[in-house]
Amino acid sequence: SVGSWHHAPLQNKEPNNQYTVKVHVDADGDMVIIQNPTLAPAIEKSDYEPKTPEADASVDADTVNDATAFLETFFKLYPTATEKELAYYVSGNVIEPIGRDYLYSELVNPIFTKDGDNVKVKVAVKFLDNQTKATQVSQYELVLHKDSNWKIVG
């Protein structure tokens, strides 16, 4: 007999914690829990504000998402971008054009830290080399700054 699978969120006494359990529903409609409750990522944001944001090197989730989206866009264009195209994303010549037939694959473990008005990021970037079909991994340490939009400034 073929059953169906359900993910059921469980709410516990702490309003900011959500738990997920896996429930199997068999052909007779009986439910069986097949995985113990696991803590799901919190959806609500905490109201906690650190008193000294200057001393706090962590970067908030919105900034991380925003900067990650920028980096993904940048690295999709980067392998084939001209200097003129790079100028839109990069301040000065902090990153040289590579002019290779690489295809962006993914960002690997980006680590963001706050540095004054800037955000530093350490990241490995996976590219696929279209010529050799080999995966190319490049390490970057970049400094990002956001005015009206993000730019790589260092």
C-alpha atoms as a PDB file:
ATOM      1  CA  SER A   1       0.000   0.000   0.000  1.00  0.00           C
ATOM      2  CA  VAL A   2       1.191   3.513  -0.747  1.00  0.00           C
ATOM      3  CA  GLY A   3       1.182   6.069   2.055  1.00  0.00           C
ATOM      4  CA  SER A   4       1.776   9.797   1.997  1.00  0.00           C
ATOM      5  CA  TRP A   5       4.259  11.962   3.924  1.00  0.00           C
ATOM      6  CA  HIS A   6       3.498  15.054   5.965  1.00  0.00           C
ATOM      7  CA  HIS A   7       5.658  17.601   7.778  1.00  0.00           C
ATOM      8  CA  ALA A   8       3.742  18.901  10.779  1.00  0.00           C
ATOM      9  CA  PRO A   9       5.031  21.946  12.655  1.00  0.00           C
ATOM     10  CA  LEU A  10       4.586  21.646  16.428  1.00  0.00           C
ATOM     11  CA  GLN A  11       4.377  24.758  18.558  1.00  0.00           C
ATOM     12  CA  ASN A  12       5.975  24.523  22.008  1.00  0.00           C
ATOM     13  CA  LYS A  13       5.633  26.871  24.993  1.00  0.00           C
ATOM     14  CA  GLU A  14       8.384  29.222  23.760  1.00  0.00           C
ATOM     15  CA  PRO A  15       6.699  31.329  21.076  1.00  0.00           C
ATOM     16  CA  ASN A  16       9.910  31.734  19.057  1.00  0.00           C
ATOM     17  CA  ASN A  17      10.760  28.029  18.827  1.00  0.00           C
ATOM     18  CA  GLN A  18       9.110  25.788  16.275  1.00  0.00           C
ATOM     19  CA  TYR A  19       9.614  22.078  16.074  1.00  0.00           C
ATOM     20  CA  THR A  20       9.119  19.882  13.046  1.00  0.00           C
ATOM     21  CA  VAL A  21       8.223  16.204  13.183  1.00  0.00           C
ATOM     22  CA  LYS A  22       7.932  13.771  10.298  1.00  0.00           C
ATOM     23  CA  VAL A  23       4.620  11.948  10.223  1.00  0.00           C
ATOM     24  CA  HIS A  24       3.830   9.036   7.922  1.00  0.00           C
ATOM     25  CA  VAL A  25       0.179   8.541   6.977  1.00  0.00           C
ATOM     26  CA  ASP A  26      -0.437   4.995   5.853  1.00  0.00           C
ATOM     27  CA  ALA A  27      -3.146   3.768   3.484  1.00  0.00           C
ATOM     28  CA  ASP A  28      -5.662   3.357   6.345  1.00  0.00           C
ATOM     29  CA  GLY A  29      -5.173   6.985   7.390  1.00  0.00           C
ATOM     30  CA  ASP A  30      -3.208   6.075  10.533  1.00  0.00           C
ATOM     31  CA  MET A  31      -0.456   8.540  11.401  1.00  0.00           C
ATOM     32  CA  VAL A  32       2.926   7.333  12.590  1.00  0.00           C
ATOM     33  CA  ILE A  33       5.653   9.700  13.813  1.00  0.00           C
ATOM     34  CA  ILE A  34       8.833   8.506  12.137  1.00  0.00           C
ATOM     35  CA  GLN A  35      11.226  11.206  13.291  1.00  0.00           C
ATOM     36  CA  ASN A  36      11.487  12.816  16.708  1.00  0.00           C
ATOM     37  CA  PRO A  37      10.742  16.542  16.878  1.00  0.00           C
ATOM     38  CA  THR A  38      13.615  18.679  15.651  1.00  0.00           C
ATOM     39  CA  LEU A  39      14.016  22.383  16.224  1.00  0.00           C
ATOM     40  CA  ALA A  40      12.999  24.271  13.082  1.00  0.00           C
ATOM     41  CA  PRO A  41      14.683  27.583  12.221  1.00  0.00           C
ATOM     42  CA  ALA A  42      12.956  30.458  13.973  1.00  0.00           C
ATOM     43  CA  ILE A  43      10.756  32.430  11.607  1.00  0.00           C
ATOM     44  CA  GLU A  44      10.178  35.415  13.851  1.00  0.00           C
ATOM     45  CA  LYS A  45      12.967  37.884  14.480  1.00  0.00           C
ATOM     46  CA  SER A  46      14.102  38.659  17.991  1.00  0.00           C
ATOM     47  CA  ASP A  47      13.621  42.210  19.244  1.00  0.00           C
ATOM     48  CA  TYR A  48      17.023  42.086  20.915  1.00  0.00           C
ATOM     49  CA  GLU A  49      19.307  44.950  19.890  1.00  0.00           C
ATOM     50  CA  PRO A  50      22.966  44.795  20.904  1.00  0.00           C
ATOM     51  CA  LYS A  51      23.920  47.917  22.871  1.00  0.00           C
ATOM     52  CA  THR A  52      27.154  48.523  20.971  1.00  0.00           C
ATOM     53  CA  PRO A  53      26.659  47.648  17.311  1.00  0.00           C
ATOM     54  CA  GLU A  54      30.238  48.827  16.561  1.00  0.00           C
ATOM     55  CA  ALA A  55      31.668  46.078  18.734  1.00  0.00           C
ATOM     56  CA  ASP A  56      29.366  43.429  17.285  1.00  0.00           C
ATOM     57  CA  ALA A  57      30.955  41.773  14.270  1.00  0.00           C
ATOM     58  CA  SER A  58      27.879  39.712  13.402  1.00  0.00           C
ATOM     59  CA  VAL A  59      25.793  40.682  10.398  1.00  0.00           C
ATOM     60  CA  ASP A  60      21.990  40.582  10.508  1.00  0.00           C
ATOM     61  CA  ALA A  61      20.083  38.066   8.403  1.00  0.00           C
ATOM     62  CA  ASP A  62      18.650  40.657   5.993  1.00  0.00           C
ATOM     63  CA  THR A  63      22.128  41.974   5.206  1.00  0.00           C
ATOM     64  CA  VAL A  64      23.471  38.434   4.754  1.00  0.00           C
ATOM     65  CA  ASN A  65      20.631  37.565   2.332  1.00  0.00           C
ATOM     66  CA  ASP A  66      21.065  40.844   0.478  1.00  0.00           C
ATOM     67  CA  ALA A  67      24.853  40.533   0.217  1.00  0.00           C
ATOM     68  CA  THR A  68      24.601  36.853  -0.788  1.00  0.00           C
ATOM     69  CA  ALA A  69      22.197  37.727  -3.625  1.00  0.00           C
ATOM     70  CA  PHE A  70      24.617  40.459  -4.756  1.00  0.00           C
ATOM     71  CA  LEU A  71      27.581  38.049  -4.711  1.00  0.00           C
ATOM     72  CA  GLU A  72      25.637  35.415  -6.675  1.00  0.00           C
ATOM     73  CA  THR A  73      24.737  38.010  -9.325  1.00  0.00           C
ATOM     74  CA  PHE A  74      28.316  39.276  -9.424  1.00  0.00           C
ATOM     75  CA  PHE A  75      29.950  35.851  -9.742  1.00  0.00           C
ATOM     76  CA  LYS A  76      27.509  34.825 -12.515  1.00  0.00           C
ATOM     77  CA  LEU A  77      28.758  37.783 -14.570  1.00  0.00           C
ATOM     78  CA  TYR A  78      32.350  37.916 -13.338  1.00  0.00           C
ATOM     79  CA  PRO A  79      34.074  35.215 -15.445  1.00  0.00           C
ATOM     80  CA  THR A  80      33.204  36.907 -18.758  1.00  0.00           C
ATOM     81  CA  ALA A  81      32.748  40.513 -17.590  1.00  0.00           C
ATOM     82  CA  THR A  82      34.711  43.367 -19.141  1.00  0.00           C
ATOM     83  CA  GLU A  83      36.335  46.074 -17.002  1.00  0.00           C
ATOM     84  CA  LYS A  84      33.457  48.378 -17.925  1.00  0.00           C
ATOM     85  CA  GLU A  85      30.880  45.830 -16.712  1.00  0.00           C
ATOM     86  CA  LEU A  86      32.883  45.146 -13.547  1.00  0.00           C
ATOM     87  CA  ALA A  87      32.909  48.883 -12.722  1.00  0.00           C
ATOM     88  CA  TYR A  88      29.199  48.629 -11.868  1.00  0.00           C
ATOM     89  CA  TYR A  89      29.966  46.088  -9.124  1.00  0.00           C
ATOM     90  CA  VAL A  90      33.542  46.868  -8.164  1.00  0.00           C
ATOM     91  CA  SER A  91      35.100  50.080  -6.874  1.00  0.00           C
ATOM     92  CA  GLY A  92      38.454  50.800  -8.507  1.00  0.00           C
ATOM     93  CA  ASN A  93      40.330  47.751  -9.747  1.00  0.00           C
ATOM     94  CA  VAL A  94      40.122  45.647  -6.591  1.00  0.00           C
ATOM     95  CA  ILE A  95      39.104  42.668  -8.753  1.00  0.00           C
ATOM     96  CA  GLU A  96      40.637  42.150 -12.178  1.00  0.00           C
ATOM     97  CA  PRO A  97      38.575  40.647 -15.013  1.00  0.00           C
ATOM     98  CA  ILE A  98      39.411  36.957 -15.521  1.00  0.00           C
ATOM     99  CA  GLY A  99      37.900  36.641 -18.998  1.00  0.00           C
ATOM    100  CA  ARG A 100      37.531  32.862 -18.802  1.00  0.00           C
ATOM    101  CA  ASP A 101      34.770  30.603 -20.031  1.00  0.00           C
ATOM    102  CA  TYR A 102      33.657  29.731 -16.510  1.00  0.00           C
ATOM    103  CA  LEU A 103      30.097  29.086 -15.449  1.00  0.00           C
ATOM    104  CA  TYR A 104      29.165  30.140 -11.906  1.00  0.00           C
ATOM    105  CA  SER A 105      28.090  27.140  -9.834  1.00  0.00           C
ATOM    106  CA  GLU A 106      27.732  28.160  -6.168  1.00  0.00           C
ATOM    107  CA  LEU A 107      29.037  30.104  -3.190  1.00  0.00           C
ATOM    108  CA  VAL A 108      30.618  27.799  -0.600  1.00  0.00           C
ATOM    109  CA  ASN A 109      30.361  28.739   3.095  1.00  0.00           C
ATOM    110  CA  PRO A 110      30.308  32.532   2.835  1.00  0.00           C
ATOM    111  CA  ILE A 111      31.315  34.060   6.196  1.00  0.00           C
ATOM    112  CA  PHE A 112      30.207  37.655   6.723  1.00  0.00           C
ATOM    113  CA  THR A 113      31.621  39.987   9.388  1.00  0.00           C
ATOM    114  CA  LYS A 114      30.819  43.607  10.054  1.00  0.00           C
ATOM    115  CA  ASP A 115      33.619  46.124   9.634  1.00  0.00           C
ATOM    116  CA  GLY A 116      32.322  49.634  10.369  1.00  0.00           C
ATOM    117  CA  ASP A 117      30.028  50.575   7.469  1.00  0.00           C
ATOM    118  CA  ASN A 118      31.352  47.693   5.410  1.00  0.00           C
ATOM    119  CA  VAL A 119      30.780  43.962   5.380  1.00  0.00           C
ATOM    120  CA  LYS A 120      33.748  41.624   4.943  1.00  0.00           C
ATOM    121  CA  VAL A 121      33.126  38.278   3.326  1.00  0.00           C
ATOM    122  CA  LYS A 122      35.327  35.199   3.037  1.00  0.00           C
ATOM    123  CA  VAL A 123      33.963  32.812   0.456  1.00  0.00           C
ATOM    124  CA  ALA A 124      34.945  30.024  -1.883  1.00  0.00           C
ATOM    125  CA  VAL A 125      33.263  30.189  -5.278  1.00  0.00           C
ATOM    126  CA  LYS A 126      32.712  27.121  -7.449  1.00  0.00           C
ATOM    127  CA  PHE A 127      32.874  27.602 -11.196  1.00  0.00           C
ATOM    128  CA  LEU A 128      32.541  25.054 -13.976  1.00  0.00           C
ATOM    129  CA  ASP A 129      35.215  25.441 -16.641  1.00  0.00           C
ATOM    130  CA  ASN A 130      33.316  25.143 -19.934  1.00  0.00           C
ATOM    131  CA  GLN A 131      36.488  24.134 -21.805  1.00  0.00           C
ATOM    132  CA  THR A 132      37.645  21.297 -19.553  1.00  0.00           C
ATOM    133  CA  LYS A 133      34.327  20.606 -17.735  1.00  0.00           C
ATOM    134  CA  ALA A 134      36.343  20.658 -14.509  1.00  0.00           C
ATOM    135  CA  THR A 135      35.135  22.350 -11.334  1.00  0.00           C
ATOM    136  CA  GLN A 136      37.239  25.343 -10.395  1.00  0.00           C
ATOM    137  CA  VAL A 137      37.133  26.606  -6.783  1.00  0.00           C
ATOM    138  CA  SER A 138      38.441  30.103  -6.097  1.00  0.00           C
ATOM    139  CA  GLN A 139      38.845  31.688  -2.652  1.00  0.00           C
ATOM    140  CA  TYR A 140      37.914  35.334  -2.181  1.00  0.00           C
ATOM    141  CA  GLU A 141      38.181  37.771   0.699  1.00  0.00           C
ATOM    142  CA  LEU A 142      36.143  40.825  -0.219  1.00  0.00           C
ATOM    143  CA  VAL A 143      34.961  44.014   1.431  1.00  0.00           C
ATOM    144  CA  LEU A 144      31.421  45.013   0.468  1.00  0.00           C
ATOM    145  CA  HIS A 145      29.811  48.417   0.908  1.00  0.00           C
ATOM    146  CA  LYS A 146      26.210  49.399   0.323  1.00  0.00           C
ATOM    147  CA  ASP A 147      25.037  52.864  -0.685  1.00  0.00           C
ATOM    148  CA  SER A 148      22.143  52.718  -3.136  1.00  0.00           C
ATOM    149  CA  ASN A 149      23.404  49.278  -4.089  1.00  0.00           C
ATOM    150  CA  TRP A 150      26.206  46.898  -3.134  1.00  0.00           C
ATOM    151  CA  LYS A 151      29.756  47.323  -4.373  1.00  0.00           C
ATOM    152  CA  ILE A 152      32.985  45.433  -3.806  1.00  0.00           C
ATOM    153  CA  VAL A 153      35.346  48.047  -2.362  1.00  0.00           C
ATOM    154  CA  GLY A 154      38.250  45.902  -1.240  1.00  0.00           C
END
